C-alpha atoms as a PDB file:
ATOM      1  CA  MET A   1      47.587  67.449  18.402  1.00  0.00           C
ATOM      2  CA  ARG A   2      45.232  68.952  15.835  1.00  0.00           C
ATOM      3  CA  VAL A   3      41.736  69.722  17.125  1.00  0.00           C
ATOM      4  CA  LEU A   4      38.659  69.117  14.976  1.00  0.00           C
ATOM      5  CA  THR A   5      36.302  72.088  14.992  1.00  0.00           C
ATOM      6  CA  PHE A   6      32.723  72.664  13.912  1.00  0.00           C
ATOM      7  CA  ASN A   7      33.724  75.283  11.342  1.00  0.00           C
ATOM      8  CA  GLN A   8      35.908  72.693   9.628  1.00  0.00           C
ATOM      9  CA  LEU A   9      32.846  70.482   9.367  1.00  0.00           C
ATOM     10  CA  LEU A  10      30.799  73.362   7.954  1.00  0.00           C
ATOM     11  CA  ARG A  11      33.407  74.013   5.266  1.00  0.00           C
ATOM     12  CA  ILE A  12      33.530  70.321   4.345  1.00  0.00           C
ATOM     13  CA  ALA A  13      29.753  70.543   3.834  1.00  0.00           C
ATOM     14  CA  GLY A  14      30.241  73.562   1.564  1.00  0.00           C
ATOM     15  CA  LEU A  15      28.908  76.124   4.065  1.00  0.00           C
ATOM     16  CA  SER A  16      30.654  79.391   4.862  1.00  0.00           C
ATOM     17  CA  PRO A  17      30.877  80.014   8.647  1.00  0.00           C
ATOM     18  CA  ASP A  18      30.213  83.749   8.205  1.00  0.00           C
ATOM     19  CA  GLN A  19      26.709  82.868   6.967  1.00  0.00           C
ATOM     20  CA  VAL A  20      25.949  80.519   9.888  1.00  0.00           C
ATOM     21  CA  ARG A  21      24.549  81.322  13.303  1.00  0.00           C
ATOM     22  CA  LEU A  22      25.097  78.782  16.079  1.00  0.00           C
ATOM     23  CA  VAL A  23      21.918  78.314  18.147  1.00  0.00           C
ATOM     24  CA  ARG A  24      22.232  76.590  21.526  1.00  0.00           C
ATOM     25  CA  HIS A  25      18.824  75.751  23.032  1.00  0.00           C
ATOM     26  CA  THR A  26      18.476  75.337  26.808  1.00  0.00           C
ATOM     27  CA  PRO A  27      14.702  74.794  27.210  1.00  0.00           C
ATOM     28  CA  GLU A  28      12.685  75.467  30.353  1.00  0.00           C
ATOM     29  CA  ARG A  29      12.925  72.593  32.841  1.00  0.00           C
ATOM     30  CA  ALA A  30       9.302  71.584  32.337  1.00  0.00           C
ATOM     31  CA  HIS A  31       9.841  71.048  28.609  1.00  0.00           C
ATOM     32  CA  HIS A  32      13.558  70.245  28.413  1.00  0.00           C
ATOM     33  CA  ARG A  33      13.222  66.499  27.838  1.00  0.00           C
ATOM     34  CA  ALA A  34      10.372  66.935  25.351  1.00  0.00           C
ATOM     35  CA  VAL A  35      12.320  69.490  23.280  1.00  0.00           C
ATOM     36  CA  PHE A  36      15.471  67.374  23.324  1.00  0.00           C
ATOM     37  CA  ASP A  37      13.622  64.214  22.266  1.00  0.00           C
ATOM     38  CA  ALA A  38      11.793  66.076  19.491  1.00  0.00           C
ATOM     39  CA  ALA A  39      15.112  67.382  18.174  1.00  0.00           C
ATOM     40  CA  MET A  40      16.673  63.911  18.304  1.00  0.00           C
ATOM     41  CA  LYS A  41      13.744  62.526  16.272  1.00  0.00           C
ATOM     42  CA  ASN A  42      13.691  65.507  13.900  1.00  0.00           C
ATOM     43  CA  GLU A  43      10.041  66.200  14.721  1.00  0.00           C
ATOM     44  CA  LYS A  44       8.057  69.138  13.376  1.00  0.00           C
ATOM     45  CA  THR A  45       7.502  70.480  16.894  1.00  0.00           C
ATOM     46  CA  PHE A  46      11.226  71.141  17.354  1.00  0.00           C
ATOM     47  CA  ARG A  47      11.420  73.016  14.061  1.00  0.00           C
ATOM     48  CA  GLU A  48       8.417  75.161  15.077  1.00  0.00           C
ATOM     49  CA  TYR A  49       9.957  75.739  18.516  1.00  0.00           C
ATOM     50  CA  GLN A  50      13.195  76.973  16.948  1.00  0.00           C
ATOM     51  CA  GLU A  51      11.560  79.015  14.192  1.00  0.00           C
ATOM     52  CA  ARG A  52       9.597  81.232  16.599  1.00  0.00           C
ATOM     53  CA  GLN A  53      11.721  83.819  18.388  1.00  0.00           C
ATOM     54  CA  ASP A  54      10.489  86.512  20.771  1.00  0.00           C
ATOM     55  CA  THR A  55      13.402  88.854  21.512  1.00  0.00           C
ATOM     56  CA  ALA A  56      14.685  91.556  19.186  1.00  0.00           C
ATOM     57  CA  GLN A  57      18.351  90.609  19.587  1.00  0.00           C
ATOM     58  CA  VAL A  58      17.767  86.976  18.618  1.00  0.00           C
ATOM     59  CA  VAL A  59      15.434  87.948  15.766  1.00  0.00           C
ATOM     60  CA  ALA A  60      18.188  90.196  14.388  1.00  0.00           C
ATOM     61  CA  GLN A  61      20.692  87.338  14.552  1.00  0.00           C
ATOM     62  CA  PHE A  62      18.319  84.989  12.731  1.00  0.00           C
ATOM     63  CA  ARG A  63      17.624  87.614  10.051  1.00  0.00           C
ATOM     64  CA  ALA A  64      21.347  88.042   9.438  1.00  0.00           C
ATOM     65  CA  ALA A  65      21.861  84.300   8.997  1.00  0.00           C
ATOM     66  CA  LYS A  66      21.673  82.275   5.833  1.00  0.00           C
ATOM     67  CA  HIS A  67      21.926  79.055   7.857  1.00  0.00           C
ATOM     68  CA  LEU A  68      21.123  78.064  11.462  1.00  0.00           C
ATOM     69  CA  ALA A  69      23.196  75.344  13.128  1.00  0.00           C
ATOM     70  CA  ALA A  70      21.111  74.049  16.028  1.00  0.00           C
ATOM     71  CA  PHE A  71      22.288  72.477  19.262  1.00  0.00           C
ATOM     72  CA  VAL A  72      20.306  71.386  22.328  1.00  0.00           C
ATOM     73  CA  VAL A  73      21.706  70.980  25.836  1.00  0.00           C
ATOM     74  CA  GLU A  74      21.345  67.334  26.837  1.00  0.00           C
ATOM     75  CA  PRO A  75      19.087  67.142  29.930  1.00  0.00           C
ATOM     76  CA  THR A  76      21.247  64.644  31.810  1.00  0.00           C
ATOM     77  CA  THR A  77      24.882  65.412  30.892  1.00  0.00           C
ATOM     78  CA  LYS A  78      24.416  69.128  30.028  1.00  0.00           C
ATOM     79  CA  GLN A  79      26.536  68.567  26.937  1.00  0.00           C
ATOM     80  CA  THR A  80      25.857  70.582  23.785  1.00  0.00           C
ATOM     81  CA  VAL A  81      24.532  68.174  21.152  1.00  0.00           C
ATOM     82  CA  PHE A  82      24.252  68.997  17.434  1.00  0.00           C
ATOM     83  CA  MET A  83      20.755  68.721  15.941  1.00  0.00           C
ATOM     84  CA  GLY A  84      21.208  69.855  12.343  1.00  0.00           C
ATOM     85  CA  VAL A  85      21.670  72.817  10.003  1.00  0.00           C
ATOM     86  CA  TRP A  86      18.667  74.694   8.604  1.00  0.00           C
ATOM     87  CA  ASP A  87      18.466  77.164   5.719  1.00  0.00           C
ATOM     88  CA  GLN A  88      16.783  80.423   6.774  1.00  0.00           C
ATOM     89  CA  LEU A  89      14.199  81.142   4.050  1.00  0.00           C
ATOM     90  CA  GLY A  90      12.276  84.152   5.312  1.00  0.00           C
ATOM     91  CA  GLU A  91       9.613  85.127   7.809  1.00  0.00           C
ATOM     92  CA  ARG A  92       6.011  84.178   8.462  1.00  0.00           C
ATOM     93  CA  LYS A  93       3.288  84.691  11.055  1.00  0.00           C
ATOM     94  CA  PRO A  94       4.249  83.224  14.476  1.00  0.00           C
ATOM     95  CA  LYS A  95       2.227  80.453  16.103  1.00  0.00           C
ATOM     96  CA  THR A  96       1.701  79.164  19.634  1.00  0.00           C
ATOM     97  CA  ASP A  97       4.767  77.530  21.200  1.00  0.00           C
ATOM     98  CA  PRO A  98       4.300  73.759  20.614  1.00  0.00           C
ATOM     99  CA  PHE A  99       5.690  72.797  24.039  1.00  0.00           C
ATOM    100  CA  SER A 100       4.636  75.507  26.491  1.00  0.00           C
ATOM    101  CA  GLY A 101       1.401  76.463  24.733  1.00  0.00           C
ATOM    102  CA  LYS A 102       2.312  80.144  25.100  1.00  0.00           C
ATOM    103  CA  PRO A 103       0.801  82.395  22.411  1.00  0.00           C
ATOM    104  CA  PRO A 104       3.016  84.708  20.331  1.00  0.00           C
ATOM    105  CA  LYS A 105       4.077  88.025  21.828  1.00  0.00           C
ATOM    106  CA  ALA A 106       3.856  91.358  20.078  1.00  0.00           C
ATOM    107  CA  THR A 107       7.602  91.039  19.407  1.00  0.00           C
ATOM    108  CA  SER A 108       7.450  87.434  18.141  1.00  0.00           C
ATOM    109  CA  VAL A 109       8.716  86.543  14.682  1.00  0.00           C
ATOM    110  CA  ALA A 110       8.614  83.115  13.035  1.00  0.00           C
ATOM    111  CA  PHE A 111      11.124  82.081  10.396  1.00  0.00           C
ATOM    112  CA  SER A 112      10.598  79.605   7.594  1.00  0.00           C
ATOM    113  CA  THR A 113      13.425  77.061   7.549  1.00  0.00           C
ATOM    114  CA  ARG A 114      14.479  73.919   5.717  1.00  0.00           C
ATOM    115  CA  LEU A 115      16.738  71.202   7.110  1.00  0.00           C
ATOM    116  CA  ARG A 116      19.874  70.536   5.088  1.00  0.00           C
ATOM    117  CA  GLU A 117      20.972  66.953   4.470  1.00  0.00           C
ATOM    118  CA  GLU A 118      24.769  67.333   4.363  1.00  0.00           C
ATOM    119  CA  LEU A 119      25.374  67.023   8.117  1.00  0.00           C
ATOM    120  CA  ASP A 120      22.281  65.054   9.120  1.00  0.00           C
ATOM    121  CA  THR A 121      24.361  61.957   9.868  1.00  0.00           C
ATOM    122  CA  TYR A 122      25.843  63.858  12.826  1.00  0.00           C
ATOM    123  CA  ARG A 123      22.467  64.811  14.344  1.00  0.00           C
ATOM    124  CA  GLY A 124      22.286  63.607  17.941  1.00  0.00           C
ATOM    125  CA  ARG A 125      25.844  62.248  17.742  1.00  0.00           C
ATOM    126  CA  LEU A 126      28.155  65.246  17.571  1.00  0.00           C
ATOM    127  CA  VAL A 127      29.016  67.117  20.786  1.00  0.00           C
ATOM    128  CA  ILE A 128      30.805  70.464  20.918  1.00  0.00           C
ATOM    129  CA  ALA A 129      32.387  72.528  23.671  1.00  0.00           C
ATOM    130  CA  TRP A 130      30.299  75.701  23.766  1.00  0.00           C
ATOM    131  CA  GLY A 131      32.764  77.422  26.081  1.00  0.00           C
ATOM    132  CA  ASP A 132      32.155  80.527  28.165  1.00  0.00           C
ATOM    133  CA  GLY A 133      29.272  82.887  27.576  1.00  0.00           C
ATOM    134  CA  GLU A 134      26.423  80.398  27.784  1.00  0.00           C
ATOM    135  CA  ARG A 135      23.924  83.233  28.068  1.00  0.00           C
ATOM    136  CA  ALA A 136      24.868  84.243  24.521  1.00  0.00           C
ATOM    137  CA  TRP A 137      22.991  81.311  23.035  1.00  0.00           C
ATOM    138  CA  VAL A 138      23.055  82.602  19.441  1.00  0.00           C
ATOM    139  CA  GLN A 139      26.544  83.261  18.097  1.00  0.00           C
ATOM    140  CA  ARG A 140      28.307  83.841  14.788  1.00  0.00           C
ATOM    141  CA  ALA A 141      30.065  80.681  13.662  1.00  0.00           C
ATOM    142  CA  ASP A 142      32.971  82.615  12.095  1.00  0.00           C
ATOM    143  CA  SER A 143      33.655  84.324  15.429  1.00  0.00           C
ATOM    144  CA  GLN A 144      33.231  81.189  17.549  1.00  0.00           C
ATOM    145  CA  ASP A 145      34.987  78.123  16.120  1.00  0.00           C
ATOM    146  CA  LYS A 146      33.679  75.482  18.511  1.00  0.00           C
ATOM    147  CA  GLN A 147      35.773  72.427  19.327  1.00  0.00           C
ATOM    148  CA  ILE A 148      34.222  69.049  18.582  1.00  0.00           C
ATOM    149  CA  ILE A 149      34.745  66.942  21.699  1.00  0.00           C
ATOM    150  CA  GLU A 150      32.842  63.782  20.791  1.00  0.00           C
ATOM    151  CA  ILE A 151      31.230  61.967  17.874  1.00  0.00           C
ATOM    152  CA  ARG A 152      29.086  59.190  19.280  1.00  0.00           C
ATOM    153  CA  LYS A 153      28.649  55.854  17.544  1.00  0.00           C
ATOM    154  CA  GLU A 154      24.882  55.987  17.833  1.00  0.00           C
ATOM    155  CA  ARG A 155      22.134  58.562  18.250  1.00  0.00           C
ATOM    156  CA  VAL A 156      21.177  57.424  21.752  1.00  0.00           C
ATOM    157  CA  ASP A 157      20.859  58.761  25.288  1.00  0.00           C
ATOM    158  CA  PRO A 158      23.941  58.462  27.510  1.00  0.00           C
ATOM    159  CA  PRO A 159      24.140  55.096  29.298  1.00  0.00           C
ATOM    160  CA  PHE A 160      23.003  54.760  32.899  1.00  0.00           C
ATOM    161  CA  PRO A 161      26.117  55.449  35.045  1.00  0.00           C
ATOM    162  CA  GLY A 162      25.296  52.794  37.649  1.00  0.00           C
ATOM    163  CA  PHE A 163      23.755  53.146  41.086  1.00  0.00           C
ATOM    164  CA  ALA A 164      27.039  53.848  42.882  1.00  0.00           C
ATOM    165  CA  ALA A 165      28.161  56.576  40.458  1.00  0.00           C
ATOM    166  CA  LEU A 166      24.822  58.349  40.062  1.00  0.00           C
ATOM    167  CA  ARG A 167      24.514  61.891  41.409  1.00  0.00           C
ATOM    168  CA  HIS A 168      21.777  63.973  39.828  1.00  0.00           C
ATOM    169  CA  PRO A 169      19.969  67.299  40.349  1.00  0.00           C
ATOM    170  CA  LEU A 170      16.839  66.541  42.340  1.00  0.00           C
ATOM    171  CA  ASP A 171      14.571  68.747  40.245  1.00  0.00           C
ATOM    172  CA  GLU A 172      15.592  66.975  37.017  1.00  0.00           C
ATOM    173  CA  ILE A 173      14.558  63.461  38.006  1.00  0.00           C
ATOM    174  CA  GLU A 174      11.474  63.791  35.792  1.00  0.00           C
ATOM    175  CA  THR A 175      13.672  64.299  32.722  1.00  0.00           C
ATOM    176  CA  VAL A 176      16.037  61.311  33.017  1.00  0.00           C
ATOM    177  CA  PRO A 177      16.171  58.989  29.977  1.00  0.00           C
ATOM    178  CA  ILE A 178      13.740  56.077  29.895  1.00  0.00           C
ATOM    179  CA  GLN A 179      16.405  53.466  30.636  1.00  0.00           C
ATOM    180  CA  TRP A 180      17.586  55.485  33.642  1.00  0.00           C
ATOM    181  CA  ALA A 181      14.013  55.754  34.911  1.00  0.00           C
ATOM    182  CA  GLU A 182      13.495  52.006  34.545  1.00  0.00           C
ATOM    183  CA  ALA A 183      16.677  51.263  36.484  1.00  0.00           C
ATOM    184  CA  LEU A 184      15.763  53.652  39.314  1.00  0.00           C
ATOM    185  CA  ARG A 185      12.201  52.366  39.488  1.00  0.00           C
ATOM    186  CA  SER A 186      13.323  48.750  39.754  1.00  0.00           C
ATOM    187  CA  VAL A 187      15.299  48.994  43.005  1.00  0.00           C
ATOM    188  CA  ARG A 188      14.884  50.233  46.560  1.00  0.00           C
ATOM    189  CA  GLY A 189      17.375  51.393  49.158  1.00  0.00           C
ATOM    190  CA  ILE A 190      18.976  54.313  50.959  1.00  0.00           C
ATOM    191  CA  TYR A 191      19.704  57.676  49.361  1.00  0.00           C
ATOM    192  CA  LEU A 192      21.380  60.971  50.219  1.00  0.00           C
ATOM    193  CA  ILE A 193      20.092  64.450  49.394  1.00  0.00           C
ATOM    194  CA  VAL A 194      22.728  67.219  49.519  1.00  0.00           C
ATOM    195  CA  HIS A 195      22.047  70.949  49.556  1.00  0.00           C
ATOM    196  CA  ARG A 196      24.558  72.108  46.960  1.00  0.00           C
ATOM    197  CA  GLU A 197      25.349  75.511  48.489  1.00  0.00           C
ATOM    198  CA  THR A 198      25.756  74.580  52.158  1.00  0.00           C
ATOM    199  CA  GLY A 199      26.580  70.871  51.971  1.00  0.00           C
ATOM    200  CA  GLN A 200      23.776  70.000  54.404  1.00  0.00           C
ATOM    201  CA  GLN A 201      22.640  66.398  54.051  1.00  0.00           C
ATOM    202  CA  TYR A 202      19.497  64.349  54.412  1.00  0.00           C
ATOM    203  CA  VAL A 203      19.382  60.543  54.447  1.00  0.00           C
ATOM    204  CA  GLY A 204      16.185  58.837  53.327  1.00  0.00           C
ATOM    205  CA  SER A 205      14.894  55.461  52.215  1.00  0.00           C
ATOM    206  CA  ALA A 206      12.977  54.346  49.135  1.00  0.00           C
ATOM    207  CA  TYR A 207      10.797  51.318  49.779  1.00  0.00           C
ATOM    208  CA  GLY A 208       7.695  51.841  47.617  1.00  0.00           C
ATOM    209  CA  ALA A 209       6.667  50.100  44.417  1.00  0.00           C
ATOM    210  CA  ASP A 210       8.456  52.653  42.196  1.00  0.00           C
ATOM    211  CA  GLY A 211      11.742  52.476  44.072  1.00  0.00           C
ATOM    212  CA  PHE A 212      14.128  55.431  44.051  1.00  0.00           C
ATOM    213  CA  LEU A 213      12.363  57.110  41.140  1.00  0.00           C
ATOM    214  CA  GLY A 214       8.994  57.269  42.858  1.00  0.00           C
ATOM    215  CA  ARG A 215      10.459  58.511  46.123  1.00  0.00           C
ATOM    216  CA  TRP A 216      12.577  61.226  44.526  1.00  0.00           C
ATOM    217  CA  LYS A 217       9.661  62.570  42.513  1.00  0.00           C
ATOM    218  CA  SER A 218       7.924  63.392  45.808  1.00  0.00           C
ATOM    219  CA  TYR A 219      10.566  66.076  46.455  1.00  0.00           C
ATOM    220  CA  ALA A 220       9.407  68.275  43.559  1.00  0.00           C
ATOM    221  CA  ASP A 221       8.421  70.932  46.133  1.00  0.00           C
ATOM    222  CA  GLY A 222      11.903  70.864  47.685  1.00  0.00           C
ATOM    223  CA  HIS A 223      10.970  69.027  50.881  1.00  0.00           C
ATOM    224  CA  GLY A 224       8.530  66.150  50.269  1.00  0.00           C
ATOM    225  CA  GLY A 225       7.017  66.783  53.710  1.00  0.00           C
ATOM    226  CA  ASN A 226      10.332  66.379  55.559  1.00  0.00           C
ATOM    227  CA  VAL A 227      10.668  68.745  58.518  1.00  0.00           C
ATOM    228  CA  GLY A 228      14.385  69.524  58.113  1.00  0.00           C
ATOM    229  CA  LEU A 229      14.108  70.211  54.409  1.00  0.00           C
ATOM    230  CA  LYS A 230      11.038  72.374  55.038  1.00  0.00           C
ATOM    231  CA  GLU A 231      12.978  74.450  57.545  1.00  0.00           C
ATOM    232  CA  LEU A 232      15.770  74.971  55.026  1.00  0.00           C
ATOM    233  CA  GLY A 233      13.176  76.339  52.612  1.00  0.00           C
ATOM    234  CA  ALA A 234      15.123  75.649  49.426  1.00  0.00           C
ATOM    235  CA  PRO A 235      13.608  74.635  46.063  1.00  0.00           C
ATOM    236  CA  ALA A 236      14.282  71.247  44.489  1.00  0.00           C
ATOM    237  CA  ASP A 237      16.840  72.709  42.076  1.00  0.00           C
ATOM    238  CA  ALA A 238      19.118  73.502  45.044  1.00  0.00           C
ATOM    239  CA  PHE A 239      19.736  69.804  45.775  1.00  0.00           C
ATOM    240  CA  ASP A 240      21.562  66.810  44.332  1.00  0.00           C
ATOM    241  CA  VAL A 241      20.544  63.235  45.078  1.00  0.00           C
ATOM    242  CA  ALA A 242      22.706  60.104  45.217  1.00  0.00           C
ATOM    243  CA  ILE A 243      22.322  56.454  46.171  1.00  0.00           C
ATOM    244  CA  LEU A 244      24.100  55.210  49.296  1.00  0.00           C
ATOM    245  CA  GLU A 245      22.937  51.596  49.197  1.00  0.00           C
ATOM    246  CA  VAL A 246      20.722  49.342  47.109  1.00  0.00           C
ATOM    247  CA  VAL A 247      18.864  46.676  49.090  1.00  0.00           C
ATOM    248  CA  GLY A 248      17.561  43.349  47.883  1.00  0.00           C
ATOM    249  CA  SER A 249      13.999  43.096  46.637  1.00  0.00           C
ATOM    250  CA  ALA A 250      13.208  40.638  49.434  1.00  0.00           C
ATOM    251  CA  GLU A 251      14.095  43.119  52.180  1.00  0.00           C
ATOM    252  CA  MET A 252      11.159  44.135  54.352  1.00  0.00           C
ATOM    253  CA  GLU A 253      10.389  47.780  55.136  1.00  0.00           C
ATOM    254  CA  LYS A 254      11.527  47.243  58.716  1.00  0.00           C
ATOM    255  CA  GLU A 255      14.960  46.127  57.496  1.00  0.00           C
ATOM    256  CA  ILE A 256      15.221  49.065  55.083  1.00  0.00           C
ATOM    257  CA  PHE A 257      14.435  51.492  57.902  1.00  0.00           C
ATOM    258  CA  ALA A 258      17.186  49.866  59.966  1.00  0.00           C
ATOM    259  CA  ARG A 259      19.689  50.447  57.146  1.00  0.00           C
ATOM    260  CA  GLU A 260      18.500  54.048  56.867  1.00  0.00           C
ATOM    261  CA  THR A 261      19.119  54.577  60.594  1.00  0.00           C
ATOM    262  CA  LEU A 262      22.610  53.104  60.250  1.00  0.00           C
ATOM    263  CA  TRP A 263      23.488  55.555  57.472  1.00  0.00           C
ATOM    264  CA  LYS A 264      22.171  58.478  59.526  1.00  0.00           C
ATOM    265  CA  LYS A 265      24.547  57.460  62.316  1.00  0.00           C
ATOM    266  CA  LYS A 266      27.482  56.959  59.932  1.00  0.00           C
ATOM    267  CA  LEU A 267      27.064  60.375  58.304  1.00  0.00           C
ATOM    268  CA  GLY A 268      25.899  62.222  61.406  1.00  0.00           C
ATOM    269  CA  THR A 269      22.911  63.708  59.617  1.00  0.00           C
ATOM    270  CA  ARG A 270      20.989  64.076  62.888  1.00  0.00           C
ATOM    271  CA  VAL A 271      23.690  66.437  64.174  1.00  0.00           C
ATOM    272  CA  LYS A 272      23.274  69.920  62.668  1.00  0.00           C
ATOM    273  CA  GLN A 273      22.074  68.348  59.435  1.00  0.00           C
ATOM    274  CA  LEU A 274      18.620  67.785  57.952  1.00  0.00           C
ATOM    275  CA  ASN A 275      17.398  64.577  59.585  1.00  0.00           C
ATOM    276  CA  ARG A 276      15.113  65.175  62.552  1.00  0.00           C
ATOM    277  CA  ASN A 277      14.424  61.562  63.522  1.00  0.00           C
END
């Protein structure tokens, strides 16, 4: 079966791959959602974020390019989503980073760019397989013919997977799409936190006004005040969180605690695990 590649799309648009650099942005956690959303909406802040570069190797790659094909890692799925092709027009004085507020470094260079229209219909819809070498986030298109793995019908966030199927990095709860956040805020129940490296587990309950979302946000420090998690001493990005059971909105806190206790017994999380009560 013939595979559709990004270079084929570039050629259809009249662009030569040897003049294109592929740029795959993986923003800092604190700004990941904001950068992704700005790219999806084609906002000026994303263009300014991309135009300023601080390291000599990346600056050299940008200088050698006639065009920049931008991609941003989706915060939830980690897929590589296409955000447009820009002409590289020259250099200018660098400004403060629009998301982090960090001033330019002595090595910083800002490029003047202009978005091309030919492939704009694919912005936020086209997904490629970046492959190995994720640390090399700027690559020559003619040396790296990326496979197109999906062209979405609409420029939208991925749908909520459902409560039973959800498993998500604990430190990235703040960056879930709005519809995911609304779903998680609307229900209460029992959840499971798993330390990814060791498999150690902690069972907890969400019974407050903001449901699972509000409870999970309290673990930003990696423990949320829990004794077992404190003893483990791991940061939030070391854990995944999942939902064991959703309870009805009429359930009282006493009943939710009873369900939590039942799950602790079922999973044995009080035996050499992270529950201490």
